[in-house]
Amino acid sequence: MGSPVLKRSVVIGGHKTSVSLEDEFWSGLKEIASGRNMTLSDLVATVERGRETGNLSSSLRLFVLESYRQRAAGRAGEGQNGAGAITAAPPAPR
C-alpha cells in the first residue's frame, strides 16, 4: 500500500508555495533539516536554488534519496555521520 501524498506550504524566498510529497519524504526532509540545524523551509529553498530542471517535488524526492545514499555510503566506508554532505539538489536525470 502506498503512502498518501500530503500537500504542505513552505516559504521560499519570502513566498509561500505548496509542495506535494509522500509522508516518508516529508519525514526525511525534516530529519535532514534537523541534522543541519536548518528549518524545513530553508532546506527546501536550498534545494530549489540548486535545481536545474524538473518540478520541485521531484527535486526534493531526489535530494532525500541522494542524502540517504551518501549517508549509507559513509557508514559503509567513510565513517560519515549525518544526512549527507550535499548542499543542493542532485542534478536532474537526463
PDB file of N, CA and C in Angstrom:
ATOM      1  N   MET A   1       0.842  -1.173   0.000  1.00  0.00           N
ATOM      2  CA  MET A   1       0.000   0.000   0.000  1.00  0.00           C
ATOM      3  C   MET A   1       0.886   1.235   0.000  1.00  0.00           C
ATOM      4  N   GLY A   2       0.579   2.193  -0.840  1.00  0.00           N
ATOM      5  CA  GLY A   2       1.391   3.389  -0.969  1.00  0.00           C
ATOM      6  C   GLY A   2       1.082   4.417   0.099  1.00  0.00           C
ATOM      7  N   SER A   3       2.026   5.294   0.290  1.00  0.00           N
ATOM      8  CA  SER A   3       1.865   6.372   1.245  1.00  0.00           C
ATOM      9  C   SER A   3       1.030   7.480   0.616  1.00  0.00           C
ATOM     10  N   PRO A   4       0.133   8.079   1.382  1.00  0.00           N
ATOM     11  CA  PRO A   4      -0.645   9.183   0.818  1.00  0.00           C
ATOM     12  C   PRO A   4       0.242  10.396   0.544  1.00  0.00           C
ATOM     13  N   VAL A   5      -0.100  11.114  -0.490  1.00  0.00           N
ATOM     14  CA  VAL A   5       0.615  12.336  -0.827  1.00  0.00           C
ATOM     15  C   VAL A   5       0.022  13.463   0.014  1.00  0.00           C
ATOM     16  N   LEU A   6       0.905  14.202   0.689  1.00  0.00           N
ATOM     17  CA  LEU A   6       0.483  15.301   1.545  1.00  0.00           C
ATOM     18  C   LEU A   6       0.952  16.614   0.949  1.00  0.00           C
ATOM     19  N   LYS A   7       0.063  17.576   0.892  1.00  0.00           N
ATOM     20  CA  LYS A   7       0.413  18.902   0.396  1.00  0.00           C
ATOM     21  C   LYS A   7       0.672  19.800   1.592  1.00  0.00           C
ATOM     22  N   ARG A   8       1.851  20.423   1.588  1.00  0.00           N
ATOM     23  CA  ARG A   8       2.219  21.325   2.678  1.00  0.00           C
ATOM     24  C   ARG A   8       2.700  22.638   2.085  1.00  0.00           C
ATOM     25  N   SER A   9       2.548  23.689   2.851  1.00  0.00           N
ATOM     26  CA  SER A   9       3.029  25.002   2.434  1.00  0.00           C
ATOM     27  C   SER A   9       4.395  25.262   3.040  1.00  0.00           C
ATOM     28  N   VAL A  10       5.283  25.789   2.228  1.00  0.00           N
ATOM     29  CA  VAL A  10       6.607  26.198   2.686  1.00  0.00           C
ATOM     30  C   VAL A  10       6.877  27.595   2.138  1.00  0.00           C
ATOM     31  N   VAL A  11       7.759  28.304   2.793  1.00  0.00           N
ATOM     32  CA  VAL A  11       8.119  29.644   2.351  1.00  0.00           C
ATOM     33  C   VAL A  11       9.486  29.586   1.687  1.00  0.00           C
ATOM     34  N   ILE A  12       9.528  30.037   0.441  1.00  0.00           N
ATOM     35  CA  ILE A  12      10.773  30.075  -0.328  1.00  0.00           C
ATOM     36  C   ILE A  12      10.971  31.508  -0.804  1.00  0.00           C
ATOM     37  N   GLY A  13      12.039  32.122  -0.380  1.00  0.00           N
ATOM     38  CA  GLY A  13      12.310  33.493  -0.795  1.00  0.00           C
ATOM     39  C   GLY A  13      11.209  34.456  -0.411  1.00  0.00           C
ATOM     40  N   GLY A  14      10.588  34.220   0.728  1.00  0.00           N
ATOM     41  CA  GLY A  14       9.536  35.102   1.195  1.00  0.00           C
ATOM     42  C   GLY A  14       8.170  34.843   0.593  1.00  0.00           C
ATOM     43  N   HIS A  15       8.069  33.825  -0.269  1.00  0.00           N
ATOM     44  CA  HIS A  15       6.799  33.499  -0.908  1.00  0.00           C
ATOM     45  C   HIS A  15       6.340  32.109  -0.482  1.00  0.00           C
ATOM     46  N   LYS A  16       5.076  32.012  -0.155  1.00  0.00           N
ATOM     47  CA  LYS A  16       4.503  30.735   0.248  1.00  0.00           C
ATOM     48  C   LYS A  16       4.173  29.921  -1.001  1.00  0.00           C
ATOM     49  N   THR A  17       4.571  28.649  -0.984  1.00  0.00           N
ATOM     50  CA  THR A  17       4.258  27.749  -2.083  1.00  0.00           C
ATOM     51  C   THR A  17       3.846  26.398  -1.520  1.00  0.00           C
ATOM     52  N   SER A  18       3.051  25.676  -2.273  1.00  0.00           N
ATOM     53  CA  SER A  18       2.608  24.348  -1.849  1.00  0.00           C
ATOM     54  C   SER A  18       3.451  23.283  -2.518  1.00  0.00           C
ATOM     55  N   VAL A  19       3.789  22.265  -1.749  1.00  0.00           N
ATOM     56  CA  VAL A  19       4.582  21.140  -2.251  1.00  0.00           C
ATOM     57  C   VAL A  19       3.864  19.861  -1.859  1.00  0.00           C
ATOM     58  N   SER A  20       3.721  18.944  -2.815  1.00  0.00           N
ATOM     59  CA  SER A  20       3.074  17.655  -2.563  1.00  0.00           C
ATOM     60  C   SER A  20       4.118  16.548  -2.549  1.00  0.00           C
ATOM     61  N   LEU A  21       4.212  15.848  -1.410  1.00  0.00           N
ATOM     62  CA  LEU A  21       5.147  14.732  -1.255  1.00  0.00           C
ATOM     63  C   LEU A  21       4.504  13.663  -0.385  1.00  0.00           C
ATOM     64  N   GLU A  22       4.985  12.448  -0.522  1.00  0.00           N
ATOM     65  CA  GLU A  22       4.573  11.366   0.360  1.00  0.00           C
ATOM     66  C   GLU A  22       5.108  11.652   1.759  1.00  0.00           C
ATOM     67  N   ASP A  23       4.402  11.150   2.763  1.00  0.00           N
ATOM     68  CA  ASP A  23       4.764  11.408   4.148  1.00  0.00           C
ATOM     69  C   ASP A  23       6.200  10.988   4.461  1.00  0.00           C
ATOM     70  N   GLU A  24       6.659   9.876   3.887  1.00  0.00           N
ATOM     71  CA  GLU A  24       8.035   9.419   4.143  1.00  0.00           C
ATOM     72  C   GLU A  24       9.066  10.450   3.676  1.00  0.00           C
ATOM     73  N   PHE A  25       8.793  11.122   2.564  1.00  0.00           N
ATOM     74  CA  PHE A  25       9.723  12.141   2.081  1.00  0.00           C
ATOM     75  C   PHE A  25       9.684  13.383   2.974  1.00  0.00           C
ATOM     76  N   TRP A  26       8.500  13.768   3.468  1.00  0.00           N
ATOM     77  CA  TRP A  26       8.435  14.873   4.423  1.00  0.00           C
ATOM     78  C   TRP A  26       9.236  14.529   5.669  1.00  0.00           C
ATOM     79  N   SER A  27       9.099  13.305   6.153  1.00  0.00           N
ATOM     80  CA  SER A  27       9.856  12.885   7.338  1.00  0.00           C
ATOM     81  C   SER A  27      11.352  12.940   7.066  1.00  0.00           C
ATOM     82  N   GLY A  28      11.767  12.475   5.898  1.00  0.00           N
ATOM     83  CA  GLY A  28      13.176  12.514   5.533  1.00  0.00           C
ATOM     84  C   GLY A  28      13.709  13.930   5.464  1.00  0.00           C
ATOM     85  N   LEU A  29      12.944  14.829   4.867  1.00  0.00           N
ATOM     86  CA  LEU A  29      13.368  16.227   4.787  1.00  0.00           C
ATOM     87  C   LEU A  29      13.495  16.854   6.167  1.00  0.00           C
ATOM     88  N   LYS A  30      12.539  16.560   7.042  1.00  0.00           N
ATOM     89  CA  LYS A  30      12.602  17.098   8.405  1.00  0.00           C
ATOM     90  C   LYS A  30      13.836  16.587   9.133  1.00  0.00           C
ATOM     91  N   GLU A  31      14.148  15.308   8.961  1.00  0.00           N
ATOM     92  CA  GLU A  31      15.327  14.730   9.606  1.00  0.00           C
ATOM     93  C   GLU A  31      16.607  15.377   9.087  1.00  0.00           C
ATOM     94  N   ILE A  32      16.688  15.542   7.781  1.00  0.00           N
ATOM     95  CA  ILE A  32      17.876  16.158   7.173  1.00  0.00           C
ATOM     96  C   ILE A  32      18.010  17.598   7.649  1.00  0.00           C
ATOM     97  N   ALA A  33      16.915  18.339   7.638  1.00  0.00           N
ATOM     98  CA  ALA A  33      16.945  19.739   8.087  1.00  0.00           C
ATOM     99  C   ALA A  33      17.405  19.822   9.542  1.00  0.00           C
ATOM    100  N   SER A  34      16.873  18.964  10.378  1.00  0.00           N
ATOM    101  CA  SER A  34      17.250  18.954  11.786  1.00  0.00           C
ATOM    102  C   SER A  34      18.741  18.668  11.952  1.00  0.00           C
ATOM    103  N   GLY A  35      19.246  17.700  11.186  1.00  0.00           N
ATOM    104  CA  GLY A  35      20.656  17.349  11.255  1.00  0.00           C
ATOM    105  C   GLY A  35      21.576  18.467  10.802  1.00  0.00           C
ATOM    106  N   ARG A  36      21.055  19.379  10.019  1.00  0.00           N
ATOM    107  CA  ARG A  36      21.838  20.515   9.528  1.00  0.00           C
ATOM    108  C   ARG A  36      21.509  21.808  10.274  1.00  0.00           C
ATOM    109  N   ASN A  37      20.699  21.697  11.309  1.00  0.00           N
ATOM    110  CA  ASN A  37      20.267  22.873  12.080  1.00  0.00           C
ATOM    111  C   ASN A  37      19.622  23.925  11.183  1.00  0.00           C
ATOM    112  N   MET A  38      18.739  23.460  10.299  1.00  0.00           N
ATOM    113  CA  MET A  38      18.021  24.334   9.368  1.00  0.00           C
ATOM    114  C   MET A  38      16.530  24.143   9.577  1.00  0.00           C
ATOM    115  N   THR A  39      15.762  25.128   9.159  1.00  0.00           N
ATOM    116  CA  THR A  39      14.319  24.926   9.119  1.00  0.00           C
ATOM    117  C   THR A  39      13.988  24.133   7.863  1.00  0.00           C
ATOM    118  N   LEU A  40      12.822  23.520   7.865  1.00  0.00           N
ATOM    119  CA  LEU A  40      12.375  22.796   6.677  1.00  0.00           C
ATOM    120  C   LEU A  40      12.299  23.743   5.479  1.00  0.00           C
ATOM    121  N   SER A  41      11.768  24.937   5.687  1.00  0.00           N
ATOM    122  CA  SER A  41      11.668  25.910   4.589  1.00  0.00           C
ATOM    123  C   SER A  41      13.044  26.290   4.046  1.00  0.00           C
ATOM    124  N   ASP A  42      14.031  26.451   4.933  1.00  0.00           N
ATOM    125  CA  ASP A  42      15.386  26.788   4.471  1.00  0.00           C
ATOM    126  C   ASP A  42      15.985  25.651   3.641  1.00  0.00           C
ATOM    127  N   LEU A  43      15.754  24.416   4.070  1.00  0.00           N
ATOM    128  CA  LEU A  43      16.265  23.279   3.305  1.00  0.00           C
ATOM    129  C   LEU A  43      15.589  23.203   1.943  1.00  0.00           C
ATOM    130  N   VAL A  44      14.278  23.369   1.905  1.00  0.00           N
ATOM    131  CA  VAL A  44      13.547  23.337   0.632  1.00  0.00           C
ATOM    132  C   VAL A  44      14.044  24.462  -0.279  1.00  0.00           C
ATOM    133  N   ALA A  45      14.291  25.637   0.277  1.00  0.00           N
ATOM    134  CA  ALA A  45      14.810  26.756  -0.521  1.00  0.00           C
ATOM    135  C   ALA A  45      16.196  26.437  -1.079  1.00  0.00           C
ATOM    136  N   THR A  46      17.024  25.742  -0.302  1.00  0.00           N
ATOM    137  CA  THR A  46      18.350  25.342  -0.779  1.00  0.00           C
ATOM    138  C   THR A  46      18.228  24.398  -1.968  1.00  0.00           C
ATOM    139  N   VAL A  47      17.323  23.441  -1.868  1.00  0.00           N
ATOM    140  CA  VAL A  47      17.102  22.506  -2.979  1.00  0.00           C
ATOM    141  C   VAL A  47      16.561  23.267  -4.189  1.00  0.00           C
ATOM    142  N   GLU A  48      15.634  24.175  -3.945  1.00  0.00           N
ATOM    143  CA  GLU A  48      15.044  24.977  -5.035  1.00  0.00           C
ATOM    144  C   GLU A  48      16.116  25.762  -5.776  1.00  0.00           C
ATOM    145  N   ARG A  49      17.018  26.390  -5.052  1.00  0.00           N
ATOM    146  CA  ARG A  49      18.087  27.175  -5.694  1.00  0.00           C
ATOM    147  C   ARG A  49      19.024  26.297  -6.515  1.00  0.00           C
ATOM    148  N   GLY A  50      19.212  25.050  -6.094  1.00  0.00           N
ATOM    149  CA  GLY A  50      20.156  24.180  -6.778  1.00  0.00           C
ATOM    150  C   GLY A  50      19.582  23.376  -7.925  1.00  0.00           C
ATOM    151  N   ARG A  51      18.274  23.362  -8.071  1.00  0.00           N
ATOM    152  CA  ARG A  51      17.701  22.511  -9.118  1.00  0.00           C
ATOM    153  C   ARG A  51      17.831  23.164 -10.480  1.00  0.00           C
ATOM    154  N   GLU A  52      18.062  22.312 -11.475  1.00  0.00           N
ATOM    155  CA  GLU A  52      18.250  22.793 -12.834  1.00  0.00           C
ATOM    156  C   GLU A  52      16.988  22.618 -13.671  1.00  0.00           C
ATOM    157  N   THR A  53      16.316  21.518 -13.512  1.00  0.00           N
ATOM    158  CA  THR A  53      15.099  21.263 -14.273  1.00  0.00           C
ATOM    159  C   THR A  53      14.140  20.457 -13.405  1.00  0.00           C
ATOM    160  N   GLY A  54      12.976  20.206 -13.930  1.00  0.00           N
ATOM    161  CA  GLY A  54      12.008  19.386 -13.220  1.00  0.00           C
ATOM    162  C   GLY A  54      11.229  20.199 -12.207  1.00  0.00           C
ATOM    163  N   ASN A  55      10.250  19.551 -11.620  1.00  0.00           N
ATOM    164  CA  ASN A  55       9.448  20.263 -10.625  1.00  0.00           C
ATOM    165  C   ASN A  55      10.057  20.106  -9.237  1.00  0.00           C
ATOM    166  N   LEU A  56       9.629  20.954  -8.336  1.00  0.00           N
ATOM    167  CA  LEU A  56      10.219  20.983  -7.001  1.00  0.00           C
ATOM    168  C   LEU A  56       9.990  19.683  -6.248  1.00  0.00           C
ATOM    169  N   SER A  57       8.800  19.116  -6.354  1.00  0.00           N
ATOM    170  CA  SER A  57       8.529  17.858  -5.643  1.00  0.00           C
ATOM    171  C   SER A  57       9.493  16.761  -6.073  1.00  0.00           C
ATOM    172  N   SER A  58       9.721  16.634  -7.359  1.00  0.00           N
ATOM    173  CA  SER A  58      10.661  15.615  -7.857  1.00  0.00           C
ATOM    174  C   SER A  58      12.074  15.903  -7.372  1.00  0.00           C
ATOM    175  N   SER A  59      12.469  17.166  -7.394  1.00  0.00           N
ATOM    176  CA  SER A  59      13.804  17.534  -6.927  1.00  0.00           C
ATOM    177  C   SER A  59      13.979  17.205  -5.446  1.00  0.00           C
ATOM    178  N   LEU A  60      12.933  17.419  -4.659  1.00  0.00           N
ATOM    179  CA  LEU A  60      13.021  17.102  -3.233  1.00  0.00           C
ATOM    180  C   LEU A  60      13.127  15.603  -3.004  1.00  0.00           C
ATOM    181  N   ARG A  61      12.381  14.808  -3.764  1.00  0.00           N
ATOM    182  CA  ARG A  61      12.490  13.346  -3.634  1.00  0.00           C
ATOM    183  C   ARG A  61      13.906  12.883  -3.965  1.00  0.00           C
ATOM    184  N   LEU A  62      14.465  13.403  -5.054  1.00  0.00           N
ATOM    185  CA  LEU A  62      15.826  13.023  -5.444  1.00  0.00           C
ATOM    186  C   LEU A  62      16.848  13.485  -4.408  1.00  0.00           C
ATOM    187  N   PHE A  63      16.619  14.641  -3.823  1.00  0.00           N
ATOM    188  CA  PHE A  63      17.508  15.145  -2.780  1.00  0.00           C
ATOM    189  C   PHE A  63      17.522  14.217  -1.570  1.00  0.00           C
ATOM    190  N   VAL A  64      16.341  13.804  -1.122  1.00  0.00           N
ATOM    191  CA  VAL A  64      16.254  12.890   0.029  1.00  0.00           C
ATOM    192  C   VAL A  64      16.945  11.571  -0.307  1.00  0.00           C
ATOM    193  N   LEU A  65      16.670  11.038  -1.483  1.00  0.00           N
ATOM    194  CA  LEU A  65      17.294   9.779  -1.905  1.00  0.00           C
ATOM    195  C   LEU A  65      18.815   9.906  -1.894  1.00  0.00           C
ATOM    196  N   GLU A  66      19.336  10.959  -2.486  1.00  0.00           N
ATOM    197  CA  GLU A  66      20.791  11.143  -2.550  1.00  0.00           C
ATOM    198  C   GLU A  66      21.389  11.354  -1.160  1.00  0.00           C
ATOM    199  N   SER A  67      20.689  12.072  -0.301  1.00  0.00           N
ATOM    200  CA  SER A  67      21.185  12.281   1.057  1.00  0.00           C
ATOM    201  C   SER A  67      21.315  10.962   1.800  1.00  0.00           C
ATOM    202  N   TYR A  68      20.311  10.109   1.682  1.00  0.00           N
ATOM    203  CA  TYR A  68      20.371   8.812   2.362  1.00  0.00           C
ATOM    204  C   TYR A  68      21.388   7.882   1.707  1.00  0.00           C
ATOM    205  N   ARG A  69      21.551   7.978   0.416  1.00  0.00           N
ATOM    206  CA  ARG A  69      22.599   7.177  -0.246  1.00  0.00           C
ATOM    207  C   ARG A  69      23.972   7.588   0.267  1.00  0.00           C
ATOM    208  N   GLN A  70      24.202   8.888   0.373  1.00  0.00           N
ATOM    209  CA  GLN A  70      25.500   9.362   0.869  1.00  0.00           C
ATOM    210  C   GLN A  70      25.716   8.942   2.318  1.00  0.00           C
ATOM    211  N   ARG A  71      24.670   8.992   3.106  1.00  0.00           N
ATOM    212  CA  ARG A  71      24.792   8.560   4.496  1.00  0.00           C
ATOM    213  C   ARG A  71      25.139   7.078   4.560  1.00  0.00           C
ATOM    214  N   ALA A  72      24.474   6.266   3.752  1.00  0.00           N
ATOM    215  CA  ALA A  72      24.742   4.827   3.740  1.00  0.00           C
ATOM    216  C   ALA A  72      26.170   4.550   3.275  1.00  0.00           C
ATOM    217  N   ALA A  73      26.628   5.269   2.265  1.00  0.00           N
ATOM    218  CA  ALA A  73      27.999   5.087   1.781  1.00  0.00           C
ATOM    219  C   ALA A  73      28.999   5.492   2.854  1.00  0.00           C
ATOM    220  N   GLY A  74      28.696   6.529   3.605  1.00  0.00           N
ATOM    221  CA  GLY A  74      29.569   6.979   4.686  1.00  0.00           C
ATOM    222  C   GLY A  74      29.678   5.955   5.789  1.00  0.00           C
ATOM    223  N   ARG A  75      28.580   5.331   6.107  1.00  0.00           N
ATOM    224  CA  ARG A  75      28.602   4.296   7.146  1.00  0.00           C
ATOM    225  C   ARG A  75      29.366   3.075   6.675  1.00  0.00           C
ATOM    226  N   ALA A  76      29.298   2.805   5.380  1.00  0.00           N
ATOM    227  CA  ALA A  76      29.937   1.601   4.844  1.00  0.00           C
ATOM    228  C   ALA A  76      31.447   1.760   4.760  1.00  0.00           C
ATOM    229  N   GLY A  77      31.954   3.000   4.526  1.00  0.00           N
ATOM    230  CA  GLY A  77      33.381   3.083   4.335  1.00  0.00           C
ATOM    231  C   GLY A  77      34.045   4.350   4.785  1.00  0.00           C
ATOM    232  N   GLU A  78      33.317   5.445   4.874  1.00  0.00           N
ATOM    233  CA  GLU A  78      33.953   6.723   5.155  1.00  0.00           C
ATOM    234  C   GLU A  78      33.744   7.190   6.573  1.00  0.00           C
ATOM    235  N   GLY A  79      32.869   6.563   7.319  1.00  0.00           N
ATOM    236  CA  GLY A  79      32.603   6.994   8.674  1.00  0.00           C
ATOM    237  C   GLY A  79      31.848   8.299   8.758  1.00  0.00           C
ATOM    238  N   GLN A  80      31.182   8.706   7.671  1.00  0.00           N
ATOM    239  CA  GLN A  80      30.437   9.961   7.654  1.00  0.00           C
ATOM    240  C   GLN A  80      29.231   9.868   8.581  1.00  0.00           C
ATOM    241  N   ASN A  81      28.945  10.940   9.268  1.00  0.00           N
ATOM    242  CA  ASN A  81      27.787  10.998  10.150  1.00  0.00           C
ATOM    243  C   ASN A  81      26.843  12.071   9.632  1.00  0.00           C
ATOM    244  N   GLY A  82      25.567  11.939   9.881  1.00  0.00           N
ATOM    245  CA  GLY A  82      24.605  12.934   9.445  1.00  0.00           C
ATOM    246  C   GLY A  82      23.838  12.459   8.237  1.00  0.00           C
ATOM    247  N   ALA A  83      23.176  13.386   7.577  1.00  0.00           N
ATOM    248  CA  ALA A  83      22.278  13.038   6.482  1.00  0.00           C
ATOM    249  C   ALA A  83      22.856  13.411   5.132  1.00  0.00           C
ATOM    250  N   GLY A  84      24.117  13.231   4.933  1.00  0.00           N
ATOM    251  CA  GLY A  84      24.710  13.522   3.639  1.00  0.00           C
ATOM    252  C   GLY A  84      25.374  14.885   3.638  1.00  0.00           C
ATOM    253  N   ALA A  85      26.278  15.060   2.689  1.00  0.00           N
ATOM    254  CA  ALA A  85      27.056  16.284   2.665  1.00  0.00           C
ATOM    255  C   ALA A  85      26.684  17.207   1.517  1.00  0.00           C
ATOM    256  N   ILE A  86      25.697  16.852   0.725  1.00  0.00           N
ATOM    257  CA  ILE A  86      25.370  17.716  -0.390  1.00  0.00           C
ATOM    258  C   ILE A  86      24.674  18.964   0.103  1.00  0.00           C
ATOM    259  N   THR A  87      24.870  20.072  -0.601  1.00  0.00           N
ATOM    260  CA  THR A  87      24.290  21.337  -0.187  1.00  0.00           C
ATOM    261  C   THR A  87      23.157  21.781  -1.083  1.00  0.00           C
ATOM    262  N   ALA A  88      22.962  21.119  -2.186  1.00  0.00           N
ATOM    263  CA  ALA A  88      21.867  21.463  -3.102  1.00  0.00           C
ATOM    264  C   ALA A  88      21.326  20.180  -3.699  1.00  0.00           C
ATOM    265  N   ALA A  89      20.329  20.331  -4.527  1.00  0.00           N
ATOM    266  CA  ALA A  89      19.710  19.159  -5.143  1.00  0.00           C
ATOM    267  C   ALA A  89      20.690  18.488  -6.090  1.00  0.00           C
ATOM    268  N   PRO A  90      20.602  17.167  -6.212  1.00  0.00           N
ATOM    269  CA  PRO A  90      21.441  16.479  -7.188  1.00  0.00           C
ATOM    270  C   PRO A  90      20.995  16.870  -8.583  1.00  0.00           C
ATOM    271  N   PRO A  91      21.871  16.705  -9.589  1.00  0.00           N
ATOM    272  CA  PRO A  91      21.476  17.044 -10.954  1.00  0.00           C
ATOM    273  C   PRO A  91      20.279  16.215 -11.390  1.00  0.00           C
ATOM    274  N   ALA A  92      19.425  16.826 -12.177  1.00  0.00           N
ATOM    275  CA  ALA A  92      18.255  16.126 -12.692  1.00  0.00           C
ATOM    276  C   ALA A  92      18.663  15.044 -13.674  1.00  0.00           C
ATOM    277  N   PRO A  93      17.982  13.906 -13.663  1.00  0.00           N
ATOM    278  CA  PRO A  93      18.303  12.855 -14.630  1.00  0.00           C
ATOM    279  C   PRO A  93      18.035  13.336 -16.039  1.00  0.00           C
ATOM    280  N   ARG A  94      18.807  12.812 -16.968  1.00  0.00           N
ATOM    281  CA  ARG A  94      18.634  13.217 -18.366  1.00  0.00           C
ATOM    282  C   ARG A  94      17.995  12.130 -19.166  1.00  0.00           C
TER     283      ARG A  94
END
